Amino acid sequence: MQVVQVAPLSSLYVLELSGAPPLDTTVSVKPGVARTVIVRHAPPDNNTFAELSFPAGVFAADSAKDSVRLTIRARPGIYGLTLESDTPLGPGGRITFKYPVHFQAPQAAMTRYGGALGFERALMVALEQDGGHYALLASTRPASDNLSGPMPRAGTYLAAAPR
């Protein structure tokens, strides 16, 4: 996991959310088996909000435990979520925020980056650290209006750009 910058939340512009927010999601997955969890906006549109990919090795196969419980809670009004797991995550997981419809750039970010396109290019996946700071992670754009980054552990993830 490559950290580009660490900053307090007050030093970040977070991608804002409009429309129907996603509902909280809880799933159980089998350790040692690859799994993708899709988090969707609430009805009526059901568009994809985020995709969480867990390769086979992310949860070590443990004969004493036949499932891993994951809880995903959307952060109100922003492209962000909190992932909770009853088993530690290993390396290899990825989170992809998908924002083709329900996004809004903060007005100050539009000014700072010269418009929505400039802001979108500056977005990175941010992972909350101890003390309320966020690590901006090296991120990719696998498709238009998609932002993907590593998901090394449970925690709070945001789509954000430096101020």
N, C-alpha and C. Protein backbone atom coordinates (compact mmCIF):
# COMPACT_ATOMS: atom_id res chain seq x y z
N MET A 1 0.85 -1.18 0.00
CA MET A 1 0.00 0.00 0.00
C MET A 1 0.89 1.24 0.00
N GLN A 2 0.74 2.04 -1.01
CA GLN A 2 1.53 3.26 -1.13
C GLN A 2 0.71 4.46 -0.63
N VAL A 3 1.21 5.13 0.40
CA VAL A 3 0.56 6.31 0.95
C VAL A 3 1.16 7.54 0.28
N VAL A 4 0.30 8.35 -0.33
CA VAL A 4 0.73 9.55 -1.03
C VAL A 4 0.90 10.71 -0.06
N GLN A 5 0.00 10.82 0.91
CA GLN A 5 -0.01 11.94 1.85
C GLN A 5 -0.88 11.55 3.03
N VAL A 6 -0.60 12.09 4.20
CA VAL A 6 -1.47 11.93 5.38
C VAL A 6 -1.92 13.33 5.79
N ALA A 7 -3.22 13.48 6.02
CA ALA A 7 -3.76 14.80 6.32
C ALA A 7 -4.98 14.69 7.22
N PRO A 8 -5.26 15.72 8.02
CA PRO A 8 -6.50 15.72 8.79
C PRO A 8 -7.69 15.90 7.85
N LEU A 9 -8.86 15.47 8.29
CA LEU A 9 -10.06 15.60 7.48
C LEU A 9 -10.29 17.05 7.06
N SER A 10 -9.95 17.99 7.91
CA SER A 10 -10.15 19.41 7.59
C SER A 10 -9.29 19.88 6.42
N SER A 11 -8.31 19.09 6.02
CA SER A 11 -7.43 19.43 4.88
C SER A 11 -7.80 18.66 3.62
N LEU A 12 -9.00 18.07 3.61
CA LEU A 12 -9.44 17.29 2.45
C LEU A 12 -10.79 17.80 1.95
N TYR A 13 -10.99 17.67 0.64
CA TYR A 13 -12.31 17.84 0.04
C TYR A 13 -12.84 16.44 -0.19
N VAL A 14 -14.00 16.13 0.38
CA VAL A 14 -14.59 14.81 0.23
C VAL A 14 -15.69 14.87 -0.83
N LEU A 15 -15.71 13.87 -1.71
CA LEU A 15 -16.74 13.80 -2.74
C LEU A 15 -18.10 13.66 -2.07
N GLU A 16 -19.02 14.57 -2.40
CA GLU A 16 -20.33 14.58 -1.75
C GLU A 16 -21.32 13.69 -2.50
N LEU A 17 -22.32 13.24 -1.77
CA LEU A 17 -23.32 12.31 -2.27
C LEU A 17 -24.68 12.98 -2.31
N SER A 18 -25.39 12.81 -3.42
CA SER A 18 -26.78 13.25 -3.50
C SER A 18 -27.63 12.02 -3.83
N GLY A 19 -28.91 12.17 -3.74
CA GLY A 19 -29.78 11.04 -4.06
C GLY A 19 -29.92 10.08 -2.89
N ALA A 20 -30.48 8.91 -3.20
CA ALA A 20 -30.76 7.90 -2.18
C ALA A 20 -29.45 7.30 -1.65
N PRO A 21 -29.19 7.43 -0.35
CA PRO A 21 -27.93 6.88 0.19
C PRO A 21 -27.98 5.36 0.25
N PRO A 22 -26.82 4.73 0.26
CA PRO A 22 -26.78 3.27 0.39
C PRO A 22 -27.27 2.84 1.78
N LEU A 23 -27.80 1.63 1.83
CA LEU A 23 -28.21 1.05 3.10
C LEU A 23 -27.03 0.29 3.69
N ASP A 24 -26.99 0.17 5.00
CA ASP A 24 -25.95 -0.63 5.64
C ASP A 24 -26.10 -2.09 5.19
N THR A 25 -24.97 -2.77 5.08
CA THR A 25 -24.94 -4.14 4.57
C THR A 25 -24.13 -5.02 5.51
N THR A 26 -24.63 -6.20 5.80
CA THR A 26 -23.89 -7.20 6.57
C THR A 26 -23.91 -8.49 5.78
N VAL A 27 -22.74 -9.08 5.61
CA VAL A 27 -22.62 -10.36 4.89
C VAL A 27 -21.68 -11.28 5.65
N SER A 28 -21.84 -12.56 5.42
CA SER A 28 -20.91 -13.56 5.93
C SER A 28 -20.22 -14.20 4.74
N VAL A 29 -18.91 -14.32 4.81
CA VAL A 29 -18.13 -14.91 3.71
C VAL A 29 -17.30 -16.06 4.25
N LYS A 30 -17.00 -16.99 3.39
CA LYS A 30 -16.20 -18.15 3.77
C LYS A 30 -14.72 -17.80 3.64
N PRO A 31 -13.92 -18.03 4.69
CA PRO A 31 -12.48 -17.77 4.59
C PRO A 31 -11.85 -18.63 3.50
N GLY A 32 -10.85 -18.07 2.80
CA GLY A 32 -10.15 -18.81 1.77
C GLY A 32 -10.83 -18.82 0.42
N VAL A 33 -11.96 -18.10 0.29
CA VAL A 33 -12.71 -18.05 -0.98
C VAL A 33 -12.83 -16.58 -1.40
N ALA A 34 -12.51 -16.29 -2.65
CA ALA A 34 -12.62 -14.92 -3.16
C ALA A 34 -14.09 -14.48 -3.14
N ARG A 35 -14.30 -13.19 -2.83
CA ARG A 35 -15.65 -12.67 -2.77
C ARG A 35 -15.64 -11.21 -3.15
N THR A 36 -16.68 -10.76 -3.86
CA THR A 36 -16.89 -9.36 -4.17
C THR A 36 -18.22 -8.95 -3.56
N VAL A 37 -18.23 -7.86 -2.82
CA VAL A 37 -19.45 -7.34 -2.20
C VAL A 37 -19.79 -6.03 -2.89
N ILE A 38 -21.02 -5.93 -3.39
CA ILE A 38 -21.51 -4.73 -4.06
C ILE A 38 -22.43 -3.99 -3.10
N VAL A 39 -22.14 -2.72 -2.86
CA VAL A 39 -22.99 -1.86 -2.03
C VAL A 39 -23.73 -0.93 -2.98
N ARG A 40 -25.05 -0.94 -2.89
CA ARG A 40 -25.88 -0.17 -3.83
C ARG A 40 -26.60 0.98 -3.12
N HIS A 41 -26.90 2.02 -3.92
CA HIS A 41 -27.78 3.09 -3.43
C HIS A 41 -29.14 2.46 -3.13
N ALA A 42 -29.88 3.09 -2.25
CA ALA A 42 -31.21 2.60 -1.90
C ALA A 42 -32.15 2.71 -3.10
N PRO A 43 -33.24 1.95 -3.09
CA PRO A 43 -34.23 2.09 -4.16
C PRO A 43 -34.72 3.53 -4.24
N PRO A 44 -35.13 4.02 -5.37
CA PRO A 44 -35.55 3.21 -6.51
C PRO A 44 -34.45 2.94 -7.54
N ASP A 45 -33.29 3.60 -7.46
CA ASP A 45 -32.34 3.43 -8.57
C ASP A 45 -31.39 2.25 -8.41
N ASN A 46 -30.99 1.92 -7.19
CA ASN A 46 -30.11 0.77 -6.94
C ASN A 46 -28.78 0.82 -7.68
N ASN A 47 -28.30 2.01 -8.04
CA ASN A 47 -26.98 2.12 -8.69
C ASN A 47 -25.90 1.65 -7.73
N THR A 48 -24.80 1.18 -8.28
CA THR A 48 -23.68 0.74 -7.45
C THR A 48 -23.00 1.95 -6.81
N PHE A 49 -22.78 1.87 -5.52
CA PHE A 49 -22.09 2.89 -4.74
C PHE A 49 -20.62 2.52 -4.57
N ALA A 50 -20.37 1.27 -4.21
CA ALA A 50 -19.00 0.80 -4.00
C ALA A 50 -18.94 -0.71 -4.23
N GLU A 51 -17.75 -1.14 -4.63
CA GLU A 51 -17.47 -2.56 -4.83
C GLU A 51 -16.26 -2.90 -3.97
N LEU A 52 -16.41 -3.90 -3.11
CA LEU A 52 -15.32 -4.33 -2.24
C LEU A 52 -14.89 -5.72 -2.67
N SER A 53 -13.62 -5.85 -3.06
CA SER A 53 -13.10 -7.12 -3.57
C SER A 53 -12.18 -7.75 -2.53
N PHE A 54 -12.47 -8.99 -2.22
CA PHE A 54 -11.69 -9.75 -1.25
C PHE A 54 -11.12 -10.99 -1.93
N PRO A 55 -9.85 -10.99 -2.34
CA PRO A 55 -9.26 -12.19 -2.93
C PRO A 55 -9.26 -13.34 -1.93
N ALA A 56 -9.02 -14.54 -2.41
CA ALA A 56 -9.08 -15.75 -1.58
C ALA A 56 -8.20 -15.67 -0.34
N GLY A 57 -7.05 -15.05 -0.41
CA GLY A 57 -6.12 -15.03 0.72
C GLY A 57 -6.33 -13.91 1.72
N VAL A 58 -7.32 -13.03 1.51
CA VAL A 58 -7.51 -11.89 2.42
C VAL A 58 -7.90 -12.36 3.82
N PHE A 59 -8.73 -13.38 3.91
CA PHE A 59 -9.09 -13.97 5.19
C PHE A 59 -8.46 -15.35 5.23
N ALA A 60 -7.53 -15.55 6.12
CA ALA A 60 -6.85 -16.84 6.19
C ALA A 60 -7.86 -17.94 6.48
N ALA A 61 -7.73 -19.04 5.76
CA ALA A 61 -8.60 -20.19 6.01
C ALA A 61 -8.31 -20.68 7.43
N ASP A 62 -9.33 -20.73 8.25
CA ASP A 62 -9.19 -21.09 9.66
C ASP A 62 -10.21 -22.17 9.97
N SER A 63 -9.73 -23.35 10.30
CA SER A 63 -10.64 -24.47 10.52
C SER A 63 -11.58 -24.23 11.71
N ALA A 64 -11.18 -23.34 12.63
CA ALA A 64 -12.03 -23.06 13.79
C ALA A 64 -13.14 -22.07 13.45
N LYS A 65 -13.05 -21.42 12.31
CA LYS A 65 -14.04 -20.40 11.94
C LYS A 65 -14.52 -20.69 10.52
N ASP A 66 -15.82 -20.93 10.37
CA ASP A 66 -16.33 -21.27 9.04
C ASP A 66 -16.86 -20.08 8.27
N SER A 67 -16.94 -18.88 8.90
CA SER A 67 -17.36 -17.69 8.17
C SER A 67 -16.78 -16.44 8.82
N VAL A 68 -16.69 -15.39 8.01
CA VAL A 68 -16.23 -14.08 8.45
C VAL A 68 -17.41 -13.13 8.27
N ARG A 69 -17.70 -12.36 9.28
CA ARG A 69 -18.82 -11.40 9.22
C ARG A 69 -18.28 -10.03 8.87
N LEU A 70 -18.83 -9.44 7.81
CA LEU A 70 -18.46 -8.10 7.36
C LEU A 70 -19.68 -7.19 7.50
N THR A 71 -19.47 -6.01 8.06
CA THR A 71 -20.53 -5.00 8.13
C THR A 71 -20.01 -3.76 7.42
N ILE A 72 -20.82 -3.23 6.51
CA ILE A 72 -20.44 -2.06 5.71
C ILE A 72 -21.48 -0.99 5.97
N ARG A 73 -21.01 0.15 6.48
CA ARG A 73 -21.90 1.27 6.81
C ARG A 73 -21.51 2.49 5.96
N ALA A 74 -22.47 2.98 5.18
CA ALA A 74 -22.22 4.17 4.38
C ALA A 74 -22.14 5.39 5.28
N ARG A 75 -21.28 6.33 4.92
CA ARG A 75 -21.13 7.59 5.66
C ARG A 75 -22.14 8.59 5.08
N PRO A 76 -22.96 9.23 5.91
CA PRO A 76 -24.02 10.11 5.41
C PRO A 76 -23.49 11.28 4.58
N GLY A 77 -24.10 11.48 3.40
CA GLY A 77 -23.84 12.66 2.59
C GLY A 77 -22.53 12.70 1.83
N ILE A 78 -21.72 11.64 1.91
CA ILE A 78 -20.43 11.63 1.22
C ILE A 78 -20.17 10.26 0.60
N TYR A 79 -19.20 10.21 -0.29
CA TYR A 79 -18.72 8.93 -0.79
C TYR A 79 -17.70 8.41 0.20
N GLY A 80 -18.21 7.66 1.16
CA GLY A 80 -17.39 7.09 2.19
C GLY A 80 -18.13 5.94 2.85
N LEU A 81 -17.38 5.02 3.41
CA LEU A 81 -17.99 3.91 4.13
C LEU A 81 -17.05 3.41 5.21
N THR A 82 -17.64 2.73 6.18
CA THR A 82 -16.87 2.09 7.23
C THR A 82 -17.06 0.59 7.11
N LEU A 83 -15.95 -0.12 7.02
CA LEU A 83 -15.94 -1.58 6.92
C LEU A 83 -15.54 -2.14 8.28
N GLU A 84 -16.36 -3.02 8.81
CA GLU A 84 -16.05 -3.72 10.06
C GLU A 84 -15.95 -5.20 9.73
N SER A 85 -15.02 -5.89 10.38
CA SER A 85 -14.82 -7.32 10.15
C SER A 85 -14.51 -8.00 11.48
N ASP A 86 -15.05 -9.19 11.69
CA ASP A 86 -14.75 -9.90 12.93
C ASP A 86 -13.45 -10.72 12.81
N THR A 87 -12.78 -10.61 11.65
CA THR A 87 -11.49 -11.25 11.40
C THR A 87 -10.59 -10.24 10.71
N PRO A 88 -9.33 -10.12 11.10
CA PRO A 88 -8.43 -9.17 10.43
C PRO A 88 -8.30 -9.47 8.93
N LEU A 89 -8.16 -8.42 8.14
CA LEU A 89 -7.92 -8.56 6.71
C LEU A 89 -6.43 -8.67 6.44
N GLY A 90 -6.08 -9.49 5.48
CA GLY A 90 -4.72 -9.54 4.99
C GLY A 90 -4.60 -8.65 3.76
N PRO A 91 -3.44 -8.59 3.13
CA PRO A 91 -3.26 -7.73 1.96
C PRO A 91 -4.03 -8.25 0.75
N GLY A 92 -4.30 -7.34 -0.17
CA GLY A 92 -4.89 -7.72 -1.46
C GLY A 92 -6.29 -7.22 -1.70
N GLY A 93 -7.01 -6.79 -0.67
CA GLY A 93 -8.36 -6.28 -0.86
C GLY A 93 -8.35 -4.95 -1.60
N ARG A 94 -9.46 -4.65 -2.31
CA ARG A 94 -9.61 -3.38 -3.02
C ARG A 94 -11.01 -2.84 -2.82
N ILE A 95 -11.07 -1.51 -2.77
CA ILE A 95 -12.35 -0.82 -2.72
C ILE A 95 -12.45 0.05 -3.97
N THR A 96 -13.61 0.05 -4.60
CA THR A 96 -13.85 0.90 -5.76
C THR A 96 -15.13 1.67 -5.52
N PHE A 97 -15.01 3.00 -5.41
CA PHE A 97 -16.18 3.86 -5.34
C PHE A 97 -16.66 4.11 -6.76
N LYS A 98 -17.98 4.04 -6.95
CA LYS A 98 -18.58 4.26 -8.28
C LYS A 98 -19.55 5.42 -8.15
N TYR A 99 -19.30 6.48 -8.94
CA TYR A 99 -20.06 7.72 -8.76
C TYR A 99 -20.54 8.30 -10.09
N PRO A 100 -21.21 7.53 -10.95
CA PRO A 100 -21.64 8.09 -12.23
C PRO A 100 -22.84 9.03 -12.14
N VAL A 101 -23.63 8.94 -11.07
CA VAL A 101 -24.88 9.71 -11.01
C VAL A 101 -24.96 10.61 -9.78
N HIS A 102 -24.76 10.08 -8.60
CA HIS A 102 -25.09 10.77 -7.36
C HIS A 102 -23.93 11.50 -6.70
N PHE A 103 -23.09 12.14 -7.46
CA PHE A 103 -21.95 12.83 -6.87
C PHE A 103 -22.10 14.34 -6.99
N GLN A 104 -21.43 15.05 -6.08
CA GLN A 104 -21.34 16.51 -6.14
C GLN A 104 -19.96 16.90 -5.65
N ALA A 105 -19.31 17.76 -6.37
CA ALA A 105 -18.02 18.31 -5.92
C ALA A 105 -18.31 19.48 -4.99
N PRO A 106 -17.64 19.56 -3.85
CA PRO A 106 -17.80 20.74 -2.99
C PRO A 106 -17.45 22.01 -3.77
N GLN A 107 -18.18 23.08 -3.54
CA GLN A 107 -17.96 24.31 -4.29
C GLN A 107 -16.52 24.81 -4.16
N ALA A 108 -15.96 24.72 -2.97
CA ALA A 108 -14.57 25.17 -2.78
C ALA A 108 -13.59 24.30 -3.58
N ALA A 109 -13.91 23.03 -3.75
CA ALA A 109 -13.06 22.14 -4.55
C ALA A 109 -13.14 22.51 -6.03
N MET A 110 -14.32 22.93 -6.47
CA MET A 110 -14.49 23.36 -7.86
C MET A 110 -13.60 24.57 -8.14
N THR A 111 -13.54 25.48 -7.18
CA THR A 111 -12.69 26.66 -7.32
C THR A 111 -11.22 26.27 -7.30
N ARG A 112 -10.84 25.46 -6.33
CA ARG A 112 -9.44 25.04 -6.16
C ARG A 112 -8.91 24.30 -7.37
N TYR A 113 -9.73 23.38 -7.92
CA TYR A 113 -9.28 22.52 -9.02
C TYR A 113 -9.77 22.97 -10.40
N GLY A 114 -10.43 24.12 -10.48
CA GLY A 114 -10.85 24.65 -11.78
C GLY A 114 -12.05 23.94 -12.38
N GLY A 115 -12.83 23.24 -11.58
CA GLY A 115 -14.03 22.57 -12.06
C GLY A 115 -14.11 21.13 -11.60
N ALA A 116 -15.23 20.49 -11.96
CA ALA A 116 -15.49 19.12 -11.53
C ALA A 116 -14.46 18.14 -12.08
N LEU A 117 -14.03 18.33 -13.32
CA LEU A 117 -13.07 17.39 -13.92
C LEU A 117 -11.72 17.45 -13.20
N GLY A 118 -11.25 18.63 -12.89
CA GLY A 118 -9.99 18.77 -12.15
C GLY A 118 -10.08 18.14 -10.77
N PHE A 119 -11.22 18.35 -10.10
CA PHE A 119 -11.42 17.74 -8.79
C PHE A 119 -11.43 16.22 -8.91
N GLU A 120 -12.14 15.72 -9.90
CA GLU A 120 -12.23 14.27 -10.09
C GLU A 120 -10.85 13.65 -10.32
N ARG A 121 -10.01 14.32 -11.07
CA ARG A 121 -8.65 13.82 -11.33
C ARG A 121 -7.79 13.79 -10.06
N ALA A 122 -8.10 14.65 -9.10
CA ALA A 122 -7.32 14.72 -7.86
C ALA A 122 -7.80 13.74 -6.79
N LEU A 123 -8.96 13.11 -7.00
CA LEU A 123 -9.51 12.21 -5.99
C LEU A 123 -8.60 11.00 -5.75
N MET A 124 -8.55 10.59 -4.49
CA MET A 124 -7.83 9.38 -4.08
C MET A 124 -8.67 8.69 -3.01
N VAL A 125 -8.47 7.39 -2.87
CA VAL A 125 -9.08 6.67 -1.76
C VAL A 125 -8.31 7.06 -0.50
N ALA A 126 -9.04 7.45 0.54
CA ALA A 126 -8.43 7.85 1.81
C ALA A 126 -8.85 6.87 2.89
N LEU A 127 -7.91 6.47 3.73
CA LEU A 127 -8.15 5.53 4.82
C LEU A 127 -7.89 6.23 6.15
N GLU A 128 -8.88 6.21 7.04
CA GLU A 128 -8.72 6.86 8.34
C GLU A 128 -7.63 6.19 9.16
N GLN A 129 -6.79 7.03 9.76
CA GLN A 129 -5.70 6.57 10.63
C GLN A 129 -6.03 6.95 12.07
N ASP A 130 -5.21 6.54 13.00
CA ASP A 130 -5.39 6.96 14.38
C ASP A 130 -5.30 8.48 14.47
N GLY A 131 -6.07 9.06 15.35
CA GLY A 131 -6.00 10.49 15.55
C GLY A 131 -6.81 11.32 14.56
N GLY A 132 -7.67 10.67 13.77
CA GLY A 132 -8.53 11.41 12.85
C GLY A 132 -7.88 11.88 11.56
N HIS A 133 -6.64 11.47 11.31
CA HIS A 133 -5.99 11.79 10.04
C HIS A 133 -6.35 10.72 9.01
N TYR A 134 -6.17 11.08 7.74
CA TYR A 134 -6.47 10.15 6.65
C TYR A 134 -5.24 9.97 5.78
N ALA A 135 -4.95 8.72 5.44
CA ALA A 135 -3.88 8.41 4.50
C ALA A 135 -4.48 8.39 3.10
N LEU A 136 -3.99 9.26 2.22
CA LEU A 136 -4.40 9.25 0.82
C LEU A 136 -3.58 8.16 0.14
N LEU A 137 -4.27 7.17 -0.41
CA LEU A 137 -3.61 6.00 -0.98
C LEU A 137 -3.48 6.13 -2.49
N ALA A 138 -2.39 5.60 -3.04
CA ALA A 138 -2.23 5.58 -4.49
C ALA A 138 -3.45 4.88 -5.07
N SER A 139 -4.16 5.56 -5.95
CA SER A 139 -5.44 5.08 -6.47
C SER A 139 -5.43 5.04 -7.98
N THR A 140 -6.35 4.26 -8.54
CA THR A 140 -6.50 4.15 -9.98
C THR A 140 -7.94 4.43 -10.37
N ARG A 141 -8.15 4.58 -11.66
CA ARG A 141 -9.48 4.78 -12.22
C ARG A 141 -9.73 3.68 -13.26
N PRO A 142 -10.29 2.55 -12.81
CA PRO A 142 -10.49 1.42 -13.73
C PRO A 142 -11.53 1.68 -14.82
N ALA A 143 -12.37 2.68 -14.62
CA ALA A 143 -13.39 3.05 -15.61
C ALA A 143 -13.82 4.49 -15.30
N SER A 144 -14.57 5.07 -16.21
CA SER A 144 -15.08 6.42 -15.99
C SER A 144 -15.92 6.46 -14.72
N ASP A 145 -15.74 7.48 -13.91
CA ASP A 145 -16.48 7.66 -12.66
C ASP A 145 -16.30 6.52 -11.67
N ASN A 146 -15.10 5.91 -11.69
CA ASN A 146 -14.73 4.86 -10.74
C ASN A 146 -13.39 5.24 -10.12
N LEU A 147 -13.28 5.07 -8.81
CA LEU A 147 -12.04 5.35 -8.09
C LEU A 147 -11.72 4.12 -7.25
N SER A 148 -10.55 3.53 -7.48
CA SER A 148 -10.19 2.28 -6.83
C SER A 148 -8.88 2.43 -6.07
N GLY A 149 -8.82 1.79 -4.90
CA GLY A 149 -7.60 1.82 -4.11
C GLY A 149 -7.50 0.58 -3.24
N PRO A 150 -6.34 0.40 -2.62
CA PRO A 150 -6.15 -0.76 -1.75
C PRO A 150 -7.05 -0.68 -0.51
N MET A 151 -7.41 -1.84 0.00
CA MET A 151 -8.22 -1.95 1.21
C MET A 151 -7.48 -2.90 2.16
N PRO A 152 -6.43 -2.39 2.83
CA PRO A 152 -5.57 -3.26 3.62
C PRO A 152 -6.14 -3.73 4.94
N ARG A 153 -7.20 -3.10 5.40
CA ARG A 153 -7.76 -3.47 6.71
C ARG A 153 -9.17 -2.91 6.83
N ALA A 154 -9.87 -3.33 7.86
CA ALA A 154 -11.15 -2.74 8.17
C ALA A 154 -10.91 -1.28 8.56
N GLY A 155 -11.89 -0.44 8.38
CA GLY A 155 -11.75 0.97 8.72
C GLY A 155 -12.68 1.83 7.89
N THR A 156 -12.45 3.15 7.98
CA THR A 156 -13.27 4.12 7.24
C THR A 156 -12.51 4.57 6.01
N TYR A 157 -13.19 4.49 4.86
CA TYR A 157 -12.63 4.86 3.56
C TYR A 157 -13.45 5.98 2.96
N LEU A 158 -12.79 6.95 2.33
CA LEU A 158 -13.44 8.08 1.67
C LEU A 158 -12.88 8.29 0.28
N ALA A 159 -13.65 8.93 -0.59
CA ALA A 159 -13.14 9.45 -1.86
C ALA A 159 -12.86 10.93 -1.60
N ALA A 160 -11.57 11.32 -1.61
CA ALA A 160 -11.21 12.67 -1.20
C ALA A 160 -10.01 13.19 -1.99
N ALA A 161 -9.83 14.50 -1.95
CA ALA A 161 -8.69 15.16 -2.60
C ALA A 161 -8.11 16.19 -1.62
N PRO A 162 -6.81 16.48 -1.74
CA PRO A 162 -6.22 17.49 -0.85
C PRO A 162 -6.82 18.87 -1.10
N ARG A 163 -6.89 19.68 -0.05
CA ARG A 163 -7.36 21.07 -0.19
C ARG A 163 -6.27 21.92 -0.79
